[in-house]
N, C-alpha and C. Protein backbone atom coordinates (compact mmCIF):
# COMPACT_ATOMS: atom_id res chain seq x y z
N UNK A 1 0.84 -1.17 0.00
CA UNK A 1 0.00 0.00 0.00
C UNK A 1 0.89 1.24 0.00
N UNK A 2 0.63 2.14 -0.92
CA UNK A 2 1.47 3.33 -1.00
C UNK A 2 0.99 4.41 -0.02
N UNK A 3 1.77 5.45 0.13
CA UNK A 3 1.50 6.52 1.10
C UNK A 3 0.19 7.24 0.80
N UNK A 4 -0.10 7.40 -0.49
CA UNK A 4 -1.35 8.06 -0.86
C UNK A 4 -2.55 7.23 -0.43
N UNK A 5 -2.51 5.94 -0.61
CA UNK A 5 -3.60 5.04 -0.21
C UNK A 5 -3.79 5.06 1.30
N UNK A 6 -2.69 5.08 2.04
CA UNK A 6 -2.76 5.14 3.50
C UNK A 6 -3.41 6.45 3.94
N UNK A 7 -3.02 7.54 3.29
CA UNK A 7 -3.58 8.85 3.63
C UNK A 7 -5.09 8.87 3.35
N UNK A 8 -5.52 8.36 2.21
CA UNK A 8 -6.94 8.33 1.86
C UNK A 8 -7.71 7.46 2.85
N UNK A 9 -7.16 6.32 3.20
CA UNK A 9 -7.81 5.43 4.18
C UNK A 9 -7.94 6.12 5.54
N UNK A 10 -6.88 6.76 5.98
CA UNK A 10 -6.90 7.47 7.26
C UNK A 10 -7.89 8.62 7.23
N UNK A 11 -7.92 9.38 6.16
CA UNK A 11 -8.87 10.50 6.05
C UNK A 11 -10.31 9.98 6.05
N UNK A 12 -10.56 8.86 5.40
CA UNK A 12 -11.90 8.28 5.38
C UNK A 12 -12.33 7.84 6.77
N UNK A 13 -11.45 7.17 7.49
CA UNK A 13 -11.76 6.73 8.86
C UNK A 13 -12.04 7.92 9.75
N UNK A 14 -11.22 8.96 9.67
CA UNK A 14 -11.44 10.15 10.49
C UNK A 14 -12.76 10.84 10.15
N UNK A 15 -13.08 10.92 8.87
CA UNK A 15 -14.32 11.53 8.44
C UNK A 15 -15.52 10.75 8.96
N UNK A 16 -15.48 9.44 8.82
CA UNK A 16 -16.60 8.61 9.27
C UNK A 16 -16.76 8.66 10.79
N UNK A 17 -15.67 8.70 11.52
CA UNK A 17 -15.79 8.76 12.98
C UNK A 17 -16.31 10.13 13.42
N UNK A 18 -16.00 11.17 12.68
CA UNK A 18 -16.50 12.50 13.01
C UNK A 18 -18.00 12.60 12.73
N UNK A 19 -18.49 11.79 11.83
CA UNK A 19 -19.91 11.81 11.47
C UNK A 19 -20.75 10.91 12.35
N UNK A 20 -20.14 10.24 13.31
CA UNK A 20 -20.85 9.33 14.18
C UNK A 20 -21.69 10.13 15.18
N UNK A 21 -22.99 10.04 15.06
CA UNK A 21 -23.90 10.79 15.93
C UNK A 21 -24.52 9.91 17.00
N UNK A 22 -23.93 8.76 17.26
CA UNK A 22 -24.49 7.87 18.28
C UNK A 22 -23.87 8.17 19.63
N UNK A 23 -24.62 7.85 20.66
CA UNK A 23 -24.16 8.04 22.03
C UNK A 23 -24.25 6.70 22.76
N UNK A 24 -23.55 6.62 23.84
CA UNK A 24 -23.68 5.45 24.70
C UNK A 24 -25.00 5.57 25.45
N UNK A 25 -25.81 4.53 25.40
CA UNK A 25 -27.12 4.58 26.05
C UNK A 25 -27.11 3.72 27.31
N UNK A 26 -28.07 4.01 28.20
CA UNK A 26 -28.20 3.19 29.41
C UNK A 26 -29.65 2.86 29.71
N UNK A 27 -30.54 3.18 28.77
CA UNK A 27 -31.97 2.91 28.95
C UNK A 27 -32.58 2.50 27.61
N UNK A 28 -33.73 1.86 27.70
CA UNK A 28 -34.50 1.51 26.51
C UNK A 28 -35.95 1.28 26.94
N UNK A 29 -36.65 2.38 27.17
CA UNK A 29 -38.03 2.29 27.64
C UNK A 29 -38.91 3.21 26.80
N UNK A 30 -39.98 2.66 26.28
CA UNK A 30 -40.90 3.42 25.42
C UNK A 30 -41.85 4.23 26.28
N UNK A 31 -42.00 5.51 25.94
CA UNK A 31 -42.94 6.39 26.63
C UNK A 31 -44.35 6.04 26.15
N UNK A 32 -45.30 5.86 27.06
CA UNK A 32 -46.67 5.57 26.62
C UNK A 32 -47.33 6.82 26.05
N UNK A 33 -48.34 6.61 25.23
CA UNK A 33 -49.10 7.74 24.71
C UNK A 33 -49.65 8.55 25.87
N UNK A 34 -49.66 9.86 25.70
CA UNK A 34 -50.25 10.73 26.71
C UNK A 34 -50.79 11.97 26.03
N UNK A 35 -51.67 12.65 26.73
CA UNK A 35 -52.15 13.96 26.31
C UNK A 35 -52.43 14.74 27.59
N UNK A 36 -51.61 15.77 27.84
CA UNK A 36 -51.70 16.55 29.05
C UNK A 36 -51.87 18.02 28.71
N UNK A 37 -51.88 18.87 29.73
CA UNK A 37 -52.10 20.30 29.56
C UNK A 37 -50.81 21.05 29.88
N UNK A 38 -50.48 22.03 29.04
CA UNK A 38 -49.27 22.82 29.23
C UNK A 38 -49.55 24.02 30.15
N UNK A 39 -48.49 24.72 30.47
CA UNK A 39 -48.61 25.95 31.26
C UNK A 39 -49.42 27.00 30.53
N UNK A 40 -49.57 26.86 29.24
CA UNK A 40 -50.36 27.80 28.43
C UNK A 40 -51.77 27.28 28.16
N UNK A 41 -52.16 26.24 28.90
CA UNK A 41 -53.50 25.65 28.80
C UNK A 41 -53.78 25.05 27.42
N UNK A 42 -52.73 24.58 26.78
CA UNK A 42 -52.88 23.89 25.50
C UNK A 42 -52.62 22.40 25.73
N UNK A 43 -53.17 21.58 24.86
CA UNK A 43 -52.93 20.14 24.95
C UNK A 43 -51.58 19.81 24.33
N UNK A 44 -50.88 18.88 24.95
CA UNK A 44 -49.64 18.36 24.37
C UNK A 44 -49.67 16.84 24.53
N UNK A 45 -49.31 16.16 23.46
CA UNK A 45 -49.31 14.70 23.48
C UNK A 45 -47.95 14.17 23.05
N UNK A 46 -47.78 12.89 23.21
CA UNK A 46 -46.55 12.26 22.73
C UNK A 46 -46.39 12.47 21.23
N UNK A 47 -47.49 12.48 20.51
CA UNK A 47 -47.43 12.71 19.05
C UNK A 47 -46.79 14.05 18.72
N UNK A 48 -46.98 15.06 19.58
CA UNK A 48 -46.38 16.38 19.34
C UNK A 48 -44.86 16.34 19.42
N UNK A 49 -44.32 15.33 20.08
CA UNK A 49 -42.87 15.22 20.28
C UNK A 49 -42.22 14.21 19.34
N UNK A 50 -43.05 13.40 18.69
CA UNK A 50 -42.53 12.37 17.79
C UNK A 50 -41.75 13.03 16.66
N UNK A 51 -40.58 12.49 16.40
CA UNK A 51 -39.71 13.03 15.36
C UNK A 51 -38.61 13.92 15.90
N UNK A 52 -38.71 14.29 17.18
CA UNK A 52 -37.71 15.15 17.81
C UNK A 52 -36.96 14.39 18.91
N UNK A 53 -35.70 14.72 19.09
CA UNK A 53 -35.00 14.36 20.31
C UNK A 53 -35.51 15.33 21.37
N UNK A 54 -35.80 14.83 22.58
CA UNK A 54 -36.28 15.72 23.63
C UNK A 54 -35.75 15.27 24.99
N UNK A 55 -35.85 16.19 25.94
CA UNK A 55 -35.34 15.99 27.29
C UNK A 55 -36.52 16.09 28.25
N UNK A 56 -36.48 15.28 29.31
CA UNK A 56 -37.58 15.31 30.27
C UNK A 56 -37.07 15.18 31.68
N UNK A 57 -37.90 15.63 32.62
CA UNK A 57 -37.64 15.43 34.05
C UNK A 57 -38.94 15.66 34.81
N UNK A 58 -38.93 15.35 36.11
CA UNK A 58 -40.09 15.52 36.98
C UNK A 58 -39.81 16.63 37.98
N UNK A 59 -40.85 17.43 38.28
CA UNK A 59 -40.69 18.49 39.27
C UNK A 59 -42.06 18.89 39.79
N UNK A 60 -42.07 19.74 40.80
CA UNK A 60 -43.30 20.40 41.22
C UNK A 60 -42.95 21.73 41.86
N UNK A 61 -43.89 22.66 41.81
CA UNK A 61 -43.58 24.05 42.07
C UNK A 61 -43.32 24.40 43.52
N UNK A 62 -43.88 23.70 44.47
CA UNK A 62 -43.61 24.07 45.86
C UNK A 62 -42.63 23.13 46.55
N UNK A 63 -41.88 22.40 45.76
CA UNK A 63 -40.79 21.56 46.28
C UNK A 63 -39.71 22.48 46.85
N UNK A 64 -39.18 22.10 48.00
CA UNK A 64 -38.13 22.91 48.62
C UNK A 64 -36.79 22.19 48.67
N UNK A 65 -36.73 21.00 48.12
CA UNK A 65 -35.48 20.22 48.21
C UNK A 65 -34.81 20.08 46.85
N UNK A 66 -35.26 19.15 46.06
CA UNK A 66 -34.60 18.80 44.80
C UNK A 66 -34.97 19.73 43.63
N UNK A 67 -36.24 20.06 43.50
CA UNK A 67 -36.72 20.77 42.31
C UNK A 67 -36.08 22.13 42.07
N UNK A 68 -35.83 22.93 43.10
CA UNK A 68 -35.17 24.21 42.79
C UNK A 68 -33.84 24.01 42.06
N UNK A 69 -33.10 23.01 42.46
CA UNK A 69 -31.80 22.77 41.81
C UNK A 69 -31.96 22.14 40.44
N UNK A 70 -32.83 21.12 40.32
CA UNK A 70 -32.96 20.47 39.01
C UNK A 70 -33.57 21.40 37.98
N UNK A 71 -34.53 22.21 38.39
CA UNK A 71 -35.12 23.15 37.43
C UNK A 71 -34.10 24.21 37.02
N UNK A 72 -33.34 24.72 37.97
CA UNK A 72 -32.28 25.67 37.62
C UNK A 72 -31.25 25.02 36.70
N UNK A 73 -30.89 23.77 36.99
CA UNK A 73 -29.94 23.06 36.13
C UNK A 73 -30.51 22.87 34.73
N UNK A 74 -31.80 22.53 34.64
CA UNK A 74 -32.40 22.31 33.32
C UNK A 74 -32.47 23.61 32.53
N UNK A 75 -32.77 24.71 33.19
CA UNK A 75 -32.78 26.01 32.50
C UNK A 75 -31.36 26.35 32.03
N UNK A 76 -30.36 26.02 32.82
CA UNK A 76 -28.97 26.21 32.40
C UNK A 76 -28.62 25.37 31.18
N UNK A 77 -29.09 24.14 31.16
CA UNK A 77 -28.88 23.26 30.00
C UNK A 77 -29.58 23.85 28.78
N UNK A 78 -30.80 24.32 28.98
CA UNK A 78 -31.55 24.95 27.88
C UNK A 78 -30.76 26.12 27.30
N UNK A 79 -30.23 26.97 28.17
CA UNK A 79 -29.47 28.15 27.72
C UNK A 79 -28.20 27.73 26.98
N UNK A 80 -27.48 26.77 27.53
CA UNK A 80 -26.24 26.32 26.88
C UNK A 80 -26.52 25.76 25.50
N UNK A 81 -27.57 24.94 25.38
CA UNK A 81 -27.91 24.38 24.07
C UNK A 81 -28.36 25.49 23.11
N UNK A 82 -29.14 26.43 23.61
CA UNK A 82 -29.63 27.53 22.78
C UNK A 82 -28.46 28.36 22.26
N UNK A 83 -27.44 28.55 23.09
CA UNK A 83 -26.24 29.30 22.65
C UNK A 83 -25.53 28.61 21.50
N UNK A 84 -25.72 27.28 21.39
CA UNK A 84 -25.13 26.52 20.29
C UNK A 84 -26.13 26.32 19.14
N UNK A 85 -27.26 27.02 19.20
CA UNK A 85 -28.24 26.93 18.13
C UNK A 85 -29.12 25.70 18.21
N UNK A 86 -29.18 25.05 19.37
CA UNK A 86 -29.97 23.83 19.53
C UNK A 86 -31.15 24.10 20.45
N UNK A 87 -32.33 23.68 20.02
CA UNK A 87 -33.54 23.94 20.81
C UNK A 87 -34.42 22.70 20.92
N UNK A 88 -33.88 21.62 21.48
CA UNK A 88 -34.73 20.44 21.65
C UNK A 88 -35.84 20.74 22.65
N UNK A 89 -37.01 20.15 22.47
CA UNK A 89 -38.06 20.32 23.46
C UNK A 89 -37.60 19.78 24.82
N UNK A 90 -37.96 20.50 25.87
CA UNK A 90 -37.70 20.07 27.24
C UNK A 90 -39.05 20.01 27.94
N UNK A 91 -39.35 18.85 28.52
CA UNK A 91 -40.65 18.62 29.12
C UNK A 91 -40.48 18.34 30.61
N UNK A 92 -41.18 19.13 31.42
CA UNK A 92 -41.23 18.90 32.86
C UNK A 92 -42.61 18.36 33.20
N UNK A 93 -42.64 17.15 33.75
CA UNK A 93 -43.89 16.56 34.21
C UNK A 93 -44.09 16.96 35.67
N UNK A 94 -45.17 17.68 35.98
CA UNK A 94 -45.45 18.01 37.37
C UNK A 94 -45.90 16.76 38.11
N UNK A 95 -45.35 16.58 39.30
CA UNK A 95 -45.79 15.45 40.12
C UNK A 95 -46.81 15.88 41.17
N UNK A 96 -47.26 17.13 41.08
CA UNK A 96 -48.27 17.65 41.98
C UNK A 96 -49.37 18.34 41.17
N UNK A 97 -50.07 17.56 40.33
CA UNK A 97 -51.03 18.18 39.43
C UNK A 97 -52.20 18.85 40.15
N UNK A 98 -52.46 18.46 41.39
CA UNK A 98 -53.56 19.08 42.13
C UNK A 98 -53.27 20.56 42.40
N UNK A 99 -52.01 20.90 42.63
CA UNK A 99 -51.63 22.28 42.93
C UNK A 99 -50.98 23.00 41.75
N UNK A 100 -50.35 22.26 40.87
CA UNK A 100 -49.63 22.87 39.74
C UNK A 100 -50.57 23.10 38.57
N UNK A 101 -51.35 24.15 38.69
CA UNK A 101 -52.25 24.56 37.61
C UNK A 101 -51.42 25.22 36.50
N UNK A 102 -51.99 25.40 35.33
CA UNK A 102 -51.25 26.11 34.29
C UNK A 102 -50.75 27.48 34.75
N UNK A 103 -51.58 28.23 35.46
CA UNK A 103 -51.17 29.55 35.95
C UNK A 103 -49.97 29.45 36.89
N UNK A 104 -50.00 28.50 37.81
CA UNK A 104 -48.88 28.30 38.75
C UNK A 104 -47.62 27.90 37.98
N UNK A 105 -47.77 27.02 36.99
CA UNK A 105 -46.62 26.58 36.20
C UNK A 105 -46.03 27.72 35.37
N UNK A 106 -46.88 28.60 34.83
CA UNK A 106 -46.37 29.76 34.08
C UNK A 106 -45.51 30.65 34.97
N UNK A 107 -45.98 30.88 36.19
CA UNK A 107 -45.22 31.72 37.12
C UNK A 107 -43.91 31.03 37.50
N UNK A 108 -43.96 29.73 37.73
CA UNK A 108 -42.76 28.95 38.07
C UNK A 108 -41.72 29.07 36.96
N UNK A 109 -42.18 28.90 35.72
CA UNK A 109 -41.27 29.01 34.57
C UNK A 109 -40.66 30.41 34.51
N UNK A 110 -41.46 31.42 34.75
CA UNK A 110 -40.97 32.80 34.74
C UNK A 110 -39.94 33.01 35.85
N UNK A 111 -40.24 32.49 37.04
CA UNK A 111 -39.33 32.64 38.18
C UNK A 111 -37.95 32.05 37.90
N UNK A 112 -37.89 30.97 37.11
CA UNK A 112 -36.63 30.31 36.81
C UNK A 112 -36.01 30.78 35.49
N UNK A 113 -36.70 31.63 34.77
CA UNK A 113 -36.15 32.12 33.51
C UNK A 113 -36.21 31.10 32.38
N UNK A 114 -37.14 30.17 32.46
CA UNK A 114 -37.27 29.15 31.41
C UNK A 114 -37.81 29.79 30.13
N UNK A 115 -37.25 29.40 29.01
CA UNK A 115 -37.72 29.86 27.71
C UNK A 115 -38.85 28.93 27.28
N UNK A 116 -40.08 29.43 27.36
CA UNK A 116 -41.25 28.60 27.08
C UNK A 116 -41.45 28.33 25.60
N UNK A 117 -40.57 28.83 24.76
CA UNK A 117 -40.64 28.44 23.35
C UNK A 117 -40.18 27.00 23.17
N UNK A 118 -39.31 26.51 24.07
CA UNK A 118 -38.84 25.13 23.94
C UNK A 118 -39.00 24.32 25.23
N UNK A 119 -39.34 24.95 26.33
CA UNK A 119 -39.52 24.24 27.59
C UNK A 119 -40.99 24.28 27.96
N UNK A 120 -41.54 23.12 28.26
CA UNK A 120 -42.97 22.98 28.55
C UNK A 120 -43.15 22.31 29.90
N UNK A 121 -44.07 22.86 30.68
CA UNK A 121 -44.41 22.30 31.99
C UNK A 121 -45.81 21.69 31.87
N UNK A 122 -45.90 20.39 32.17
CA UNK A 122 -47.16 19.67 31.96
C UNK A 122 -47.88 19.38 33.27
N UNK A 123 -49.20 19.37 33.17
CA UNK A 123 -50.11 19.01 34.25
C UNK A 123 -51.36 18.45 33.57
N UNK A 124 -52.46 18.32 34.34
CA UNK A 124 -53.71 17.88 33.71
C UNK A 124 -53.96 16.40 33.81
N UNK A 125 -53.49 15.78 34.86
CA UNK A 125 -53.67 14.36 35.13
C UNK A 125 -53.77 14.22 36.64
N UNK A 126 -54.06 13.04 37.12
CA UNK A 126 -54.08 12.88 38.58
C UNK A 126 -52.75 12.28 39.04
N UNK A 127 -52.53 12.35 40.34
CA UNK A 127 -51.25 11.90 40.89
C UNK A 127 -50.98 10.43 40.54
N UNK A 128 -51.98 9.59 40.62
CA UNK A 128 -51.78 8.15 40.35
C UNK A 128 -51.29 7.94 38.92
N UNK A 129 -51.81 8.69 37.97
CA UNK A 129 -51.39 8.55 36.58
C UNK A 129 -49.92 8.91 36.40
N UNK A 130 -49.49 10.04 36.98
CA UNK A 130 -48.09 10.44 36.83
C UNK A 130 -47.18 9.53 37.65
N UNK A 131 -47.68 9.04 38.77
CA UNK A 131 -46.91 8.08 39.57
C UNK A 131 -46.67 6.81 38.76
N UNK A 132 -47.69 6.31 38.10
CA UNK A 132 -47.53 5.11 37.27
C UNK A 132 -46.52 5.35 36.15
N UNK A 133 -46.59 6.51 35.50
CA UNK A 133 -45.63 6.80 34.43
C UNK A 133 -44.21 6.86 35.00
N UNK A 134 -44.04 7.53 36.13
CA UNK A 134 -42.72 7.65 36.74
C UNK A 134 -42.15 6.29 37.08
N UNK A 135 -42.94 5.46 37.74
CA UNK A 135 -42.45 4.17 38.21
C UNK A 135 -42.33 3.17 37.06
N UNK A 136 -43.37 3.04 36.25
CA UNK A 136 -43.41 1.99 35.22
C UNK A 136 -42.55 2.30 34.01
N UNK A 137 -42.51 3.56 33.58
CA UNK A 137 -41.79 3.92 32.36
C UNK A 137 -40.40 4.48 32.65
N UNK A 138 -40.33 5.45 33.54
CA UNK A 138 -39.06 6.10 33.83
C UNK A 138 -38.24 5.33 34.87
N UNK A 139 -38.87 4.33 35.49
CA UNK A 139 -38.21 3.49 36.52
C UNK A 139 -37.69 4.36 37.66
N UNK A 140 -38.52 5.32 38.07
CA UNK A 140 -38.14 6.30 39.09
C UNK A 140 -39.18 6.32 40.20
N UNK A 141 -38.72 6.40 41.41
CA UNK A 141 -39.61 6.45 42.57
C UNK A 141 -40.46 7.72 42.52
N UNK A 142 -41.70 7.59 42.97
CA UNK A 142 -42.57 8.75 43.13
C UNK A 142 -43.59 8.41 44.20
N UNK A 143 -43.40 8.99 45.38
CA UNK A 143 -44.28 8.73 46.51
C UNK A 143 -44.67 10.03 47.17
N UNK A 144 -45.88 10.05 47.73
CA UNK A 144 -46.27 11.18 48.58
C UNK A 144 -45.55 11.01 49.89
N UNK A 145 -45.05 12.12 50.44
CA UNK A 145 -44.27 12.04 51.67
C UNK A 145 -44.82 12.91 52.77
N UNK A 146 -44.09 12.93 53.86
CA UNK A 146 -44.47 13.72 55.03
C UNK A 146 -44.45 15.21 54.68
N UNK A 147 -45.27 15.97 55.38
CA UNK A 147 -45.33 17.42 55.23
C UNK A 147 -45.56 17.84 53.78
N UNK A 148 -46.30 16.99 53.06
CA UNK A 148 -46.65 17.24 51.67
C UNK A 148 -45.45 17.34 50.74
N UNK A 149 -44.31 16.85 51.19
CA UNK A 149 -43.18 16.72 50.27
C UNK A 149 -43.35 15.39 49.52
N UNK A 150 -42.78 15.30 48.40
CA UNK A 150 -42.91 14.08 47.60
C UNK A 150 -41.52 13.56 47.26
N UNK A 151 -41.38 12.28 47.46
CA UNK A 151 -40.11 11.64 47.11
C UNK A 151 -40.16 11.32 45.62
N UNK A 152 -39.22 11.90 44.87
CA UNK A 152 -39.27 11.70 43.42
C UNK A 152 -37.86 11.73 42.82
N UNK A 153 -37.82 11.39 41.59
CA UNK A 153 -36.57 11.30 40.83
C UNK A 153 -35.93 12.67 40.63
N UNK A 154 -34.62 12.69 40.65
CA UNK A 154 -33.87 13.90 40.28
C UNK A 154 -33.11 13.66 38.99
N UNK A 155 -33.56 12.67 38.22
CA UNK A 155 -32.90 12.32 36.96
C UNK A 155 -33.46 13.14 35.80
N UNK A 156 -32.59 13.36 34.81
CA UNK A 156 -32.98 13.91 33.53
C UNK A 156 -32.95 12.75 32.54
N UNK A 157 -33.77 12.84 31.50
CA UNK A 157 -33.89 11.74 30.53
C UNK A 157 -33.80 12.30 29.12
N UNK A 158 -33.06 11.59 28.28
CA UNK A 158 -32.98 11.92 26.86
C UNK A 158 -33.85 10.92 26.12
N UNK A 159 -34.77 11.45 25.31
CA UNK A 159 -35.74 10.62 24.60
C UNK A 159 -35.51 10.79 23.10
N UNK A 160 -35.48 9.68 22.39
CA UNK A 160 -35.21 9.73 20.95
C UNK A 160 -36.47 10.08 20.16
N UNK A 161 -36.35 10.31 18.85
CA UNK A 161 -37.50 10.72 18.04
C UNK A 161 -38.64 9.70 17.98
N UNK A 162 -38.38 8.46 18.40
CA UNK A 162 -39.42 7.44 18.43
C UNK A 162 -40.12 7.36 19.78
N UNK A 163 -39.79 8.27 20.70
CA UNK A 163 -40.43 8.26 22.01
C UNK A 163 -39.86 7.23 22.96
N UNK A 164 -38.59 6.91 22.80
CA UNK A 164 -37.94 5.92 23.66
C UNK A 164 -36.88 6.61 24.53
N UNK A 165 -36.95 6.37 25.83
CA UNK A 165 -35.91 6.88 26.73
C UNK A 165 -34.64 6.12 26.41
N UNK A 166 -33.58 6.83 26.04
CA UNK A 166 -32.33 6.16 25.69
C UNK A 166 -31.23 6.39 26.70
N UNK A 167 -31.39 7.44 27.53
CA UNK A 167 -30.34 7.69 28.51
C UNK A 167 -30.89 8.47 29.69
N UNK A 168 -30.35 8.13 30.85
CA UNK A 168 -30.71 8.76 32.12
C UNK A 168 -29.48 9.44 32.70
N UNK A 169 -29.67 10.64 33.25
CA UNK A 169 -28.58 11.44 33.80
C UNK A 169 -28.97 11.91 35.21
N UNK A 170 -28.01 12.04 36.08
CA UNK A 170 -28.25 12.58 37.41
C UNK A 170 -28.37 14.10 37.29
N UNK A 171 -29.57 14.63 37.45
CA UNK A 171 -29.82 16.05 37.28
C UNK A 171 -29.19 16.93 38.34
N UNK A 172 -28.64 16.32 39.40
CA UNK A 172 -27.98 17.07 40.47
C UNK A 172 -26.47 17.11 40.26
N UNK A 173 -25.99 16.44 39.23
CA UNK A 173 -24.56 16.27 38.99
C UNK A 173 -24.09 17.15 37.83
N UNK A 174 -23.17 18.05 38.10
CA UNK A 174 -22.63 18.89 37.02
C UNK A 174 -22.01 18.05 35.90
N UNK A 175 -21.20 17.02 36.22
CA UNK A 175 -20.65 16.21 35.12
C UNK A 175 -21.73 15.52 34.29
N UNK A 176 -22.80 15.04 34.93
CA UNK A 176 -23.88 14.42 34.16
C UNK A 176 -24.62 15.44 33.31
N UNK A 177 -24.79 16.65 33.84
CA UNK A 177 -25.44 17.70 33.05
C UNK A 177 -24.60 18.08 31.85
N UNK A 178 -23.28 18.13 32.03
CA UNK A 178 -22.38 18.39 30.91
C UNK A 178 -22.45 17.27 29.88
N UNK A 179 -22.56 16.02 30.37
CA UNK A 179 -22.69 14.88 29.46
C UNK A 179 -24.00 14.95 28.68
N UNK A 180 -25.08 15.36 29.34
CA UNK A 180 -26.36 15.51 28.64
C UNK A 180 -26.23 16.53 27.51
N UNK A 181 -25.62 17.66 27.79
CA UNK A 181 -25.41 18.67 26.75
C UNK A 181 -24.58 18.10 25.60
N UNK A 182 -23.50 17.41 25.94
CA UNK A 182 -22.63 16.82 24.91
C UNK A 182 -23.39 15.78 24.09
N UNK A 183 -24.21 14.96 24.76
CA UNK A 183 -24.98 13.94 24.04
C UNK A 183 -26.02 14.57 23.12
N UNK A 184 -26.69 15.62 23.57
CA UNK A 184 -27.67 16.29 22.71
C UNK A 184 -26.96 16.88 21.50
N UNK A 185 -25.82 17.50 21.70
CA UNK A 185 -25.06 18.05 20.58
C UNK A 185 -24.70 16.94 19.60
N UNK A 186 -24.32 15.80 20.13
CA UNK A 186 -23.91 14.69 19.27
C UNK A 186 -25.07 14.15 18.47
N UNK A 187 -26.21 13.89 19.11
CA UNK A 187 -27.32 13.30 18.36
C UNK A 187 -27.95 14.30 17.39
N UNK A 188 -27.79 15.59 17.67
CA UNK A 188 -28.31 16.61 16.76
C UNK A 188 -27.28 17.11 15.76
N UNK A 189 -26.11 16.47 15.77
CA UNK A 189 -25.10 16.74 14.75
C UNK A 189 -24.29 18.00 14.94
N UNK A 190 -24.14 18.46 16.17
CA UNK A 190 -23.32 19.67 16.42
C UNK A 190 -21.99 19.30 17.00
């Protein structure tokens, strides 16, 4: 093999590896069909997200432990991705639908500086329904707790265009949040 052939082979390998948009996954769970209400009192369903890579997590507005940090972290992720020209949908499922009305969720989003063009806060179901989704689909604990606190997941999830959870990240971990940003950039070709 001559030097030119080696150079062409090496350039081809480098080009193909640079075009690799796959990520290491740690989940494979299909999101069930749903239709819930957004902070803007509009319906949103799984069909509205089909075809897009999207990010999800669980929160509620009067949480005093985990949610202030995870929501702030998610807004930071949203901003970082937006700075790179990426605007994947971000979905927050409220785990306190009895109190998290659309009006309350709009104020919560405003308080955290969430860009509602790409971040959506969902409600419009009962606690048992969201508990079942959390436990059965996201494989995450969700229980009512003492003093009206709720024990719930602090994980972020990356969902592929077919509605399948492909990766779970610790939403309280800066390195995991950086990995989520890197993975979104990779799957979206940036």
